[in-house]
């Protein structure tokens, strides 16, 4: 397939923050005259935004570099992101350049214009790109924080993303005001740490953003410690989506200590109850790691029972992945098959919990953001993050009142109310 010298591909792996940063790169490239695609095709330039949170993510990052070369063997391939910082030598080939600057969009533009770019180590004190991410009309993710100061035993991210740093409230609001989306999602590598170094706070940010926009507000992943009366009261005061994605990681106190997590299961459960006090129909989802070093069979059974007790609306289950350079990598390891078996058991429990949550909501009315057509339905998510399959043919990018029906696939059927 022929391509123009101004065609570029930006491909993203990993977290929502990576996706936001890739959208900044897309904006920067478009401003420089490029036509940008997000799927693989022949092009004059490739930018691969990598992930290193698991071994599988790193493998896929390397695989995508090879895939780009197959499409256009001589085109420059720029490798950025966490895997570039962690393992730059894994990508070293003729037409590949590894860029380890945290200011990704600026580094890419510096490269293509021939300027000197940050090619080794270090993170920027400035937490945000100069180029605003390409806008969407449905759900806009807004990066408000980067980095992490909490060195959990299993996690490589603080070593790659650097220390926690936050954008000012004013900077966030300025970006939010440019959004055309029906929903904005305030996001960060450790969103719960927002404002700690700049005399601001997450409740303050929620109230300030909510006072300036009509769009509904959703939060990215949170630590349970940040769930307070102040935060929930702030959320109640604005057009807030009552969906809380909490970083649990384990339902065993023994494993939590091994993970260097700073709470107990009792602490966590009290936060779940507090959320339900303010938002009875809230969607509460969680990240959980299966098979972390130190997780005995007894610990795992404790964790399984705790997860069932919390009655999450959904769960993201991950078998533990060894990350060299972390404390957990030096601990005695649980065999991989055991990790996978435990992850499968947790996943089965998660499906039961999700089904029970939807059954509790059946017959109730919520607001759905219509996002796309799928298998003959209009699909989108309610404020408490239930995926709705709507038979009515309604225009996209709008909010609709829908009545929850029977469970269906990974969500529920819905009808206009």
Protein backbone atom coordinates (compact mmCIF):
# COMPACT_ATOMS: atom_id res chain seq x y z
CA UNK A 1 0.00 0.00 0.00
CA UNK A 2 1.49 3.39 -0.92
CA UNK A 3 1.84 6.00 1.78
CA UNK A 4 2.76 9.67 2.01
CA UNK A 5 5.94 10.91 3.68
CA UNK A 6 3.66 12.71 6.10
CA UNK A 7 1.91 9.51 7.27
CA UNK A 8 2.66 8.50 10.87
CA UNK A 9 1.47 5.72 13.15
CA UNK A 10 1.19 6.22 16.91
CA UNK A 11 0.57 2.91 18.67
CA UNK A 12 -0.13 2.69 22.39
CA UNK A 13 0.25 -0.10 24.93
CA UNK A 14 -0.57 -0.02 28.62
CA UNK A 15 -2.46 2.38 30.85
CA UNK A 16 -4.85 5.28 30.29
CA UNK A 17 -2.04 7.72 31.07
CA UNK A 18 -0.08 6.29 28.16
CA UNK A 19 -3.16 6.77 26.01
CA UNK A 20 -3.46 10.41 27.10
CA UNK A 21 0.21 11.01 26.36
CA UNK A 22 -0.15 9.37 22.95
CA UNK A 23 -2.98 11.77 22.18
CA UNK A 24 -0.63 14.63 22.99
CA UNK A 25 1.83 13.13 20.50
CA UNK A 26 -0.93 12.89 17.90
CA UNK A 27 -1.72 16.58 18.39
CA UNK A 28 1.96 17.50 18.12
CA UNK A 29 2.45 15.48 14.94
CA UNK A 30 -0.69 16.87 13.34
CA UNK A 31 0.49 20.39 14.12
CA UNK A 32 3.74 19.46 12.34
CA UNK A 33 1.89 18.41 9.20
CA UNK A 34 1.55 14.66 9.73
CA UNK A 35 -1.51 12.54 9.05
CA UNK A 36 -1.67 10.24 12.06
CA UNK A 37 -3.13 6.74 12.36
CA UNK A 38 -3.50 4.58 15.47
CA UNK A 39 -3.45 1.20 13.72
CA UNK A 40 -0.52 -0.47 11.99
CA UNK A 41 -0.10 0.31 8.29
CA UNK A 42 2.72 1.42 5.99
CA UNK A 43 3.94 4.84 7.14
CA UNK A 44 6.91 7.19 7.08
CA UNK A 45 7.20 7.30 10.89
CA UNK A 46 6.21 5.04 13.79
CA UNK A 47 5.89 6.01 17.45
CA UNK A 48 5.34 3.13 19.87
CA UNK A 49 4.35 4.12 23.39
CA UNK A 50 5.38 1.12 25.50
CA UNK A 51 4.42 -0.43 28.83
CA UNK A 52 6.50 -2.32 31.41
CA UNK A 53 3.98 -3.10 34.15
CA UNK A 54 4.24 -6.85 33.41
CA UNK A 55 6.57 -9.15 31.49
CA UNK A 56 3.78 -9.69 28.96
CA UNK A 57 3.46 -5.94 28.41
CA UNK A 58 7.19 -5.71 27.69
CA UNK A 59 6.99 -8.66 25.30
CA UNK A 60 4.16 -6.97 23.40
CA UNK A 61 6.14 -3.73 23.28
CA UNK A 62 9.05 -5.50 21.58
CA UNK A 63 6.64 -7.32 19.30
CA UNK A 64 5.07 -4.05 18.13
CA UNK A 65 8.50 -2.67 17.22
CA UNK A 66 9.09 -5.72 15.03
CA UNK A 67 5.65 -5.36 13.50
CA UNK A 68 6.34 -1.74 12.53
CA UNK A 69 9.55 -2.79 10.78
CA UNK A 70 7.66 -5.37 8.71
CA UNK A 71 5.25 -2.72 7.44
CA UNK A 72 7.96 -0.18 6.52
CA UNK A 73 11.48 -1.65 6.85
CA UNK A 74 13.34 1.65 6.56
CA UNK A 75 10.98 4.05 8.35
CA UNK A 76 12.17 5.56 11.66
CA UNK A 77 10.64 3.82 14.70
CA UNK A 78 10.59 5.84 17.91
CA UNK A 79 10.21 3.80 21.12
CA UNK A 80 8.95 5.78 24.10
CA UNK A 81 7.36 5.00 27.46
CA UNK A 82 8.07 2.75 30.41
CA UNK A 83 9.62 -0.19 28.55
CA UNK A 84 11.93 2.23 26.73
CA UNK A 85 13.16 3.53 30.09
CA UNK A 86 13.40 0.13 31.75
CA UNK A 87 14.98 -1.91 28.95
CA UNK A 88 16.29 0.39 26.18
CA UNK A 89 18.78 -2.23 24.91
CA UNK A 90 15.90 -4.58 24.07
CA UNK A 91 14.96 -2.30 21.16
CA UNK A 92 18.36 -1.45 19.67
CA UNK A 93 18.27 -2.02 15.90
CA UNK A 94 19.14 -0.03 12.78
CA UNK A 95 16.07 2.15 12.33
CA UNK A 96 14.90 2.21 15.96
CA UNK A 97 15.54 5.13 18.29
CA UNK A 98 14.78 4.76 21.98
CA UNK A 99 13.62 7.98 23.65
CA UNK A 100 13.41 7.96 27.44
CA UNK A 101 12.19 11.50 28.11
CA UNK A 102 9.04 11.75 30.20
CA UNK A 103 7.81 14.67 28.08
CA UNK A 104 6.94 12.37 25.23
CA UNK A 105 5.35 14.72 22.71
CA UNK A 106 8.16 17.25 22.97
CA UNK A 107 10.78 14.52 22.63
CA UNK A 108 9.11 13.14 19.48
CA UNK A 109 8.91 16.59 17.88
CA UNK A 110 12.53 17.31 18.83
CA UNK A 111 13.53 14.07 17.13
CA UNK A 112 11.73 14.64 13.85
CA UNK A 113 12.94 18.27 13.65
CA UNK A 114 16.53 17.25 14.32
CA UNK A 115 16.75 18.94 17.70
CA UNK A 116 18.54 17.41 20.63
CA UNK A 117 16.20 15.20 22.66
CA UNK A 118 16.44 13.60 26.10
CA UNK A 119 17.81 10.15 25.29
CA UNK A 120 18.74 8.74 28.66
CA UNK A 121 17.40 8.50 32.19
CA UNK A 122 15.71 11.05 34.36
CA UNK A 123 12.20 12.40 34.59
CA UNK A 124 11.00 15.91 34.03
CA UNK A 125 9.96 18.13 36.92
CA UNK A 126 7.25 19.45 34.60
CA UNK A 127 4.47 16.89 34.67
CA UNK A 128 2.62 17.64 31.48
CA UNK A 129 3.02 17.99 27.74
CA UNK A 130 2.73 21.36 26.01
CA UNK A 131 0.40 19.84 23.39
CA UNK A 132 -3.15 19.13 24.57
CA UNK A 133 -4.34 15.60 23.78
CA UNK A 134 -6.48 15.10 20.68
CA UNK A 135 -10.09 15.58 21.76
CA UNK A 136 -12.91 13.07 21.77
CA UNK A 137 -16.65 13.75 21.89
CA UNK A 138 -17.63 10.93 24.24
CA UNK A 139 -15.20 10.43 27.12
CA UNK A 140 -12.12 12.65 27.59
CA UNK A 141 -9.31 11.47 29.89
CA UNK A 142 -7.47 14.33 31.60
CA UNK A 143 -4.03 13.71 33.07
CA UNK A 144 -3.78 15.59 36.37
CA UNK A 145 -0.92 13.75 38.09
CA UNK A 146 2.15 11.67 37.23
CA UNK A 147 4.67 9.53 39.11
CA UNK A 148 4.42 7.67 42.40
CA UNK A 149 6.16 7.91 45.79
CA UNK A 150 4.79 4.60 47.14
CA UNK A 151 7.18 1.78 46.40
CA UNK A 152 4.95 -1.29 46.56
CA UNK A 153 7.08 -4.43 46.53
CA UNK A 154 5.76 -5.74 43.19
CA UNK A 155 5.69 -2.48 41.21
CA UNK A 156 8.30 -1.10 38.82
CA UNK A 157 6.34 2.05 37.93
CA UNK A 158 7.86 4.47 40.53
CA UNK A 159 11.32 3.67 39.17
CA UNK A 160 10.18 4.53 35.64
CA UNK A 161 7.70 7.36 36.14
CA UNK A 162 9.60 9.16 38.88
CA UNK A 163 8.37 11.06 41.90
CA UNK A 164 4.76 12.15 42.31
CA UNK A 165 3.91 15.52 40.79
CA UNK A 166 0.62 17.27 40.08
CA UNK A 167 -0.78 19.84 37.71
CA UNK A 168 -2.29 22.97 39.17
CA UNK A 169 -6.05 23.18 39.53
CA UNK A 170 -6.01 26.11 37.10
CA UNK A 171 -4.10 24.11 34.47
CA UNK A 172 -6.56 21.22 34.70
CA UNK A 173 -9.58 23.49 34.42
CA UNK A 174 -8.08 25.25 31.39
CA UNK A 175 -7.81 21.92 29.60
CA UNK A 176 -11.21 20.68 30.73
CA UNK A 177 -12.82 23.80 29.29
CA UNK A 178 -11.50 22.88 25.83
CA UNK A 179 -13.20 19.48 25.95
CA UNK A 180 -16.30 18.75 23.90
CA UNK A 181 -16.90 15.44 25.67
CA UNK A 182 -19.99 14.45 27.61
CA UNK A 183 -17.75 12.98 30.31
CA UNK A 184 -14.28 13.79 31.62
CA UNK A 185 -12.14 11.34 33.57
CA UNK A 186 -9.56 12.80 35.97
CA UNK A 187 -6.59 10.44 35.76
CA UNK A 188 -3.10 9.90 37.14
CA UNK A 189 -0.46 7.29 37.81
CA UNK A 190 -1.34 7.73 41.50
CA UNK A 191 -4.42 9.93 41.36
CA UNK A 192 -4.91 9.65 45.13
CA UNK A 193 -1.68 11.60 45.59
CA UNK A 194 -3.00 14.57 43.63
CA UNK A 195 -2.06 17.95 45.06
CA UNK A 196 0.23 16.77 47.85
CA UNK A 197 3.16 18.93 46.68
CA UNK A 198 1.24 21.95 45.37
CA UNK A 199 -1.09 22.92 48.23
CA UNK A 200 -4.15 21.40 46.55
CA UNK A 201 -6.29 18.30 47.02
CA UNK A 202 -8.45 15.89 45.05
CA UNK A 203 -11.70 17.09 46.70
CA UNK A 204 -10.77 20.67 45.79
CA UNK A 205 -10.05 19.62 42.20
CA UNK A 206 -13.38 17.78 41.89
CA UNK A 207 -15.36 20.77 43.13
CA UNK A 208 -13.45 23.25 40.97
CA UNK A 209 -13.82 21.18 37.80
CA UNK A 210 -17.48 20.49 38.55
CA UNK A 211 -18.19 24.19 38.95
CA UNK A 212 -16.83 24.94 35.47
CA UNK A 213 -18.30 22.24 33.21
CA UNK A 214 -21.65 20.63 32.45
CA UNK A 215 -20.08 17.27 31.52
CA UNK A 216 -20.19 14.52 34.09
CA UNK A 217 -16.99 13.77 36.03
CA UNK A 218 -15.42 10.38 36.60
CA UNK A 219 -12.28 9.46 38.54
CA UNK A 220 -9.50 7.09 37.57
CA UNK A 221 -8.02 4.46 39.88
CA UNK A 222 -7.87 5.38 43.59
CA UNK A 223 -6.17 4.19 46.74
CA UNK A 224 -8.67 3.33 49.49
CA UNK A 225 -6.98 5.79 51.86
CA UNK A 226 -8.29 8.74 49.82
CA UNK A 227 -11.93 7.70 50.32
CA UNK A 228 -13.00 10.18 52.99
CA UNK A 229 -16.11 12.09 53.99
CA UNK A 230 -14.53 15.17 52.40
CA UNK A 231 -13.94 13.47 49.05
CA UNK A 232 -17.39 11.88 48.92
CA UNK A 233 -19.08 15.14 49.92
CA UNK A 234 -17.21 16.93 47.14
CA UNK A 235 -18.35 14.25 44.69
CA UNK A 236 -21.94 14.64 45.86
CA UNK A 237 -21.82 18.37 45.12
CA UNK A 238 -21.08 18.02 41.38
CA UNK A 239 -22.19 16.00 38.35
CA UNK A 240 -20.18 13.00 39.50
CA UNK A 241 -20.19 9.42 38.24
CA UNK A 242 -20.37 7.12 41.30
CA UNK A 243 -17.85 4.57 40.10
CA UNK A 244 -14.82 3.93 42.31
CA UNK A 245 -11.96 1.82 41.01
CA UNK A 246 -9.95 0.89 44.08
CA UNK A 247 -6.46 -0.56 44.14
CA UNK A 248 -6.97 -3.48 46.55
CA UNK A 249 -4.23 -5.86 45.25
CA UNK A 250 -4.91 -8.53 47.90
CA UNK A 251 -7.61 -9.51 50.37
CA UNK A 252 -5.06 -11.00 52.77
CA UNK A 253 -3.44 -8.86 55.46
CA UNK A 254 -0.32 -11.03 55.36
CA UNK A 255 0.09 -10.45 51.64
CA UNK A 256 -0.69 -6.74 51.94
CA UNK A 257 2.24 -6.41 54.35
CA UNK A 258 4.48 -8.30 51.93
CA UNK A 259 3.34 -5.93 49.19
CA UNK A 260 4.23 -2.89 51.32
CA UNK A 261 0.63 -1.71 51.13
CA UNK A 262 -0.24 0.68 53.96
CA UNK A 263 -3.70 -0.56 54.98
CA UNK A 264 -5.48 -3.66 56.27
CA UNK A 265 -8.47 -5.44 54.83
CA UNK A 266 -10.56 -3.95 57.67
CA UNK A 267 -9.45 -0.45 56.61
CA UNK A 268 -10.36 -1.20 53.02
CA UNK A 269 -13.76 -2.66 53.84
CA UNK A 270 -14.68 0.38 55.94
CA UNK A 271 -13.99 2.54 52.86
CA UNK A 272 -16.30 0.34 50.77
CA UNK A 273 -19.05 0.83 53.36
CA UNK A 274 -18.43 4.58 53.39
CA UNK A 275 -18.83 4.76 49.61
CA UNK A 276 -22.11 2.88 49.80
CA UNK A 277 -23.32 5.23 52.52
CA UNK A 278 -23.00 8.16 50.12
CA UNK A 279 -23.72 6.30 46.86
CA UNK A 280 -25.82 3.15 47.49
CA UNK A 281 -25.75 2.08 43.84
CA UNK A 282 -22.09 2.92 43.25
CA UNK A 283 -20.03 0.68 41.04
CA UNK A 284 -16.98 -0.39 43.04
CA UNK A 285 -14.29 -2.19 41.07
CA UNK A 286 -10.85 -3.37 42.15
CA UNK A 287 -7.40 -4.44 40.99
CA UNK A 288 -6.23 -7.76 42.49
CA UNK A 289 -2.94 -9.63 42.09
CA UNK A 290 -2.94 -13.43 42.43
CA UNK A 291 0.14 -15.32 43.57
CA UNK A 292 2.29 -12.56 45.01
CA UNK A 293 5.33 -13.88 46.93
CA UNK A 294 4.22 -14.84 50.43
CA UNK A 295 0.68 -15.79 49.39
CA UNK A 296 0.17 -19.22 50.96
CA UNK A 297 -2.90 -21.28 50.18
CA UNK A 298 -4.40 -20.06 53.47
CA UNK A 299 -3.70 -16.45 52.45
CA UNK A 300 -5.32 -17.03 49.09
CA UNK A 301 -8.48 -18.47 50.64
CA UNK A 302 -8.65 -15.46 52.97
CA UNK A 303 -8.29 -13.16 49.96
CA UNK A 304 -10.99 -15.00 48.03
CA UNK A 305 -13.47 -14.72 50.89
CA UNK A 306 -12.68 -11.04 51.38
CA UNK A 307 -13.24 -10.29 47.70
CA UNK A 308 -16.63 -12.01 47.89
CA UNK A 309 -17.49 -10.01 51.01
CA UNK A 310 -16.79 -6.70 49.23
CA UNK A 311 -19.27 -7.61 46.44
CA UNK A 312 -17.44 -5.63 43.79
CA UNK A 313 -19.26 -4.69 40.60
CA UNK A 314 -16.21 -5.88 38.66
CA UNK A 315 -12.58 -6.85 39.25
CA UNK A 316 -9.36 -6.72 37.26
CA UNK A 317 -7.41 -9.87 38.11
CA UNK A 318 -3.71 -10.24 37.32
CA UNK A 319 -1.39 -13.16 38.04
CA UNK A 320 1.73 -11.78 39.72
CA UNK A 321 4.47 -10.86 37.23
CA UNK A 322 8.10 -10.67 38.39
CA UNK A 323 9.59 -7.22 37.79
CA UNK A 324 13.37 -7.19 38.13
CA UNK A 325 14.53 -4.35 40.35
CA UNK A 326 11.60 -4.59 42.76
CA UNK A 327 11.63 -5.98 46.30
CA UNK A 328 9.19 -8.78 45.42
CA UNK A 329 11.51 -10.08 42.71
CA UNK A 330 13.99 -11.02 45.45
CA UNK A 331 11.42 -12.99 47.45
CA UNK A 332 10.73 -16.75 47.10
CA UNK A 333 8.42 -17.09 44.10
CA UNK A 334 5.15 -18.99 43.80
CA UNK A 335 5.11 -21.28 40.73
CA UNK A 336 3.56 -19.70 37.66
CA UNK A 337 0.89 -22.44 37.25
CA UNK A 338 -0.29 -21.77 40.81
CA UNK A 339 -0.51 -18.03 40.11
CA UNK A 340 -2.57 -18.67 36.98
CA UNK A 341 -4.88 -21.12 38.77
CA UNK A 342 -5.54 -18.64 41.57
CA UNK A 343 -6.17 -15.86 39.04
CA UNK A 344 -8.71 -18.09 37.28
CA UNK A 345 -10.53 -18.79 40.57
CA UNK A 346 -10.65 -15.07 41.38
CA UNK A 347 -11.90 -14.32 37.87
CA UNK A 348 -14.75 -16.80 38.27
CA UNK A 349 -15.70 -15.17 41.58
CA UNK A 350 -15.54 -11.76 39.92
CA UNK A 351 -18.01 -12.84 37.23
CA UNK A 352 -20.46 -14.01 39.91
CA UNK A 353 -20.09 -10.70 41.73
CA UNK A 354 -20.66 -8.67 38.54
CA UNK A 355 -23.80 -10.67 37.77
CA UNK A 356 -25.14 -10.14 41.29
CA UNK A 357 -24.51 -6.39 41.01
CA UNK A 358 -26.45 -6.11 37.76
CA UNK A 359 -29.32 -8.16 39.20
CA UNK A 360 -29.53 -5.68 42.09
CA UNK A 361 -29.88 -2.82 39.59
CA UNK A 362 -32.50 -4.47 37.36
CA UNK A 363 -35.50 -2.19 36.89
CA UNK A 364 -33.66 0.94 38.08
CA UNK A 365 -33.01 3.94 35.86
CA UNK A 366 -29.55 5.37 35.19
CA UNK A 367 -27.92 7.68 32.65
CA UNK A 368 -26.06 6.04 29.78
CA UNK A 369 -23.48 7.71 27.55
CA UNK A 370 -24.05 6.31 24.04
CA UNK A 371 -20.58 5.61 22.64
CA UNK A 372 -20.63 3.13 19.75
CA UNK A 373 -22.54 0.56 17.73
CA UNK A 374 -21.81 -3.07 18.60
CA UNK A 375 -23.51 -6.24 17.35
CA UNK A 376 -26.70 -4.39 16.44
CA UNK A 377 -26.88 -2.48 19.72
CA UNK A 378 -25.95 1.02 20.82
CA UNK A 379 -23.53 0.54 23.72
CA UNK A 380 -22.17 2.78 26.44
CA UNK A 381 -21.76 3.04 30.18
CA UNK A 382 -23.98 4.27 32.99
CA UNK A 383 -22.63 6.64 35.60
CA UNK A 384 -21.86 3.67 37.88
CA UNK A 385 -20.05 1.95 35.00
CA UNK A 386 -22.44 -0.73 33.85
CA UNK A 387 -22.13 -1.46 30.14
CA UNK A 388 -25.53 -1.11 28.49
CA UNK A 389 -26.71 -2.79 25.29
CA UNK A 390 -29.51 -0.58 23.96
CA UNK A 391 -31.77 -1.79 21.14
CA UNK A 392 -33.08 1.72 20.41
CA UNK A 393 -31.25 3.40 17.51
CA UNK A 394 -30.25 6.67 19.15
CA UNK A 395 -27.57 9.18 18.08
CA UNK A 396 -24.12 8.67 19.62
CA UNK A 397 -22.25 11.02 21.95
CA UNK A 398 -25.34 11.87 23.97
CA UNK A 399 -26.68 10.96 27.42
CA UNK A 400 -29.89 8.96 27.79
CA UNK A 401 -32.01 7.78 30.69
CA UNK A 402 -32.20 3.99 30.51
CA UNK A 403 -33.85 1.29 32.56
CA UNK A 404 -31.58 -1.64 33.43
CA UNK A 405 -32.78 -4.97 32.10
CA UNK A 406 -31.44 -8.51 32.25
CA UNK A 407 -27.70 -9.24 32.34
CA UNK A 408 -26.27 -9.56 28.85
CA UNK A 409 -22.70 -10.44 27.82
CA UNK A 410 -20.38 -8.14 29.82
CA UNK A 411 -23.16 -5.80 30.92
CA UNK A 412 -26.94 -5.53 30.78
CA UNK A 413 -29.73 -4.93 28.32
CA UNK A 414 -31.31 -1.49 28.56
CA UNK A 415 -34.33 0.38 27.29
CA UNK A 416 -34.98 4.09 27.05
CA UNK A 417 -36.90 5.41 30.00
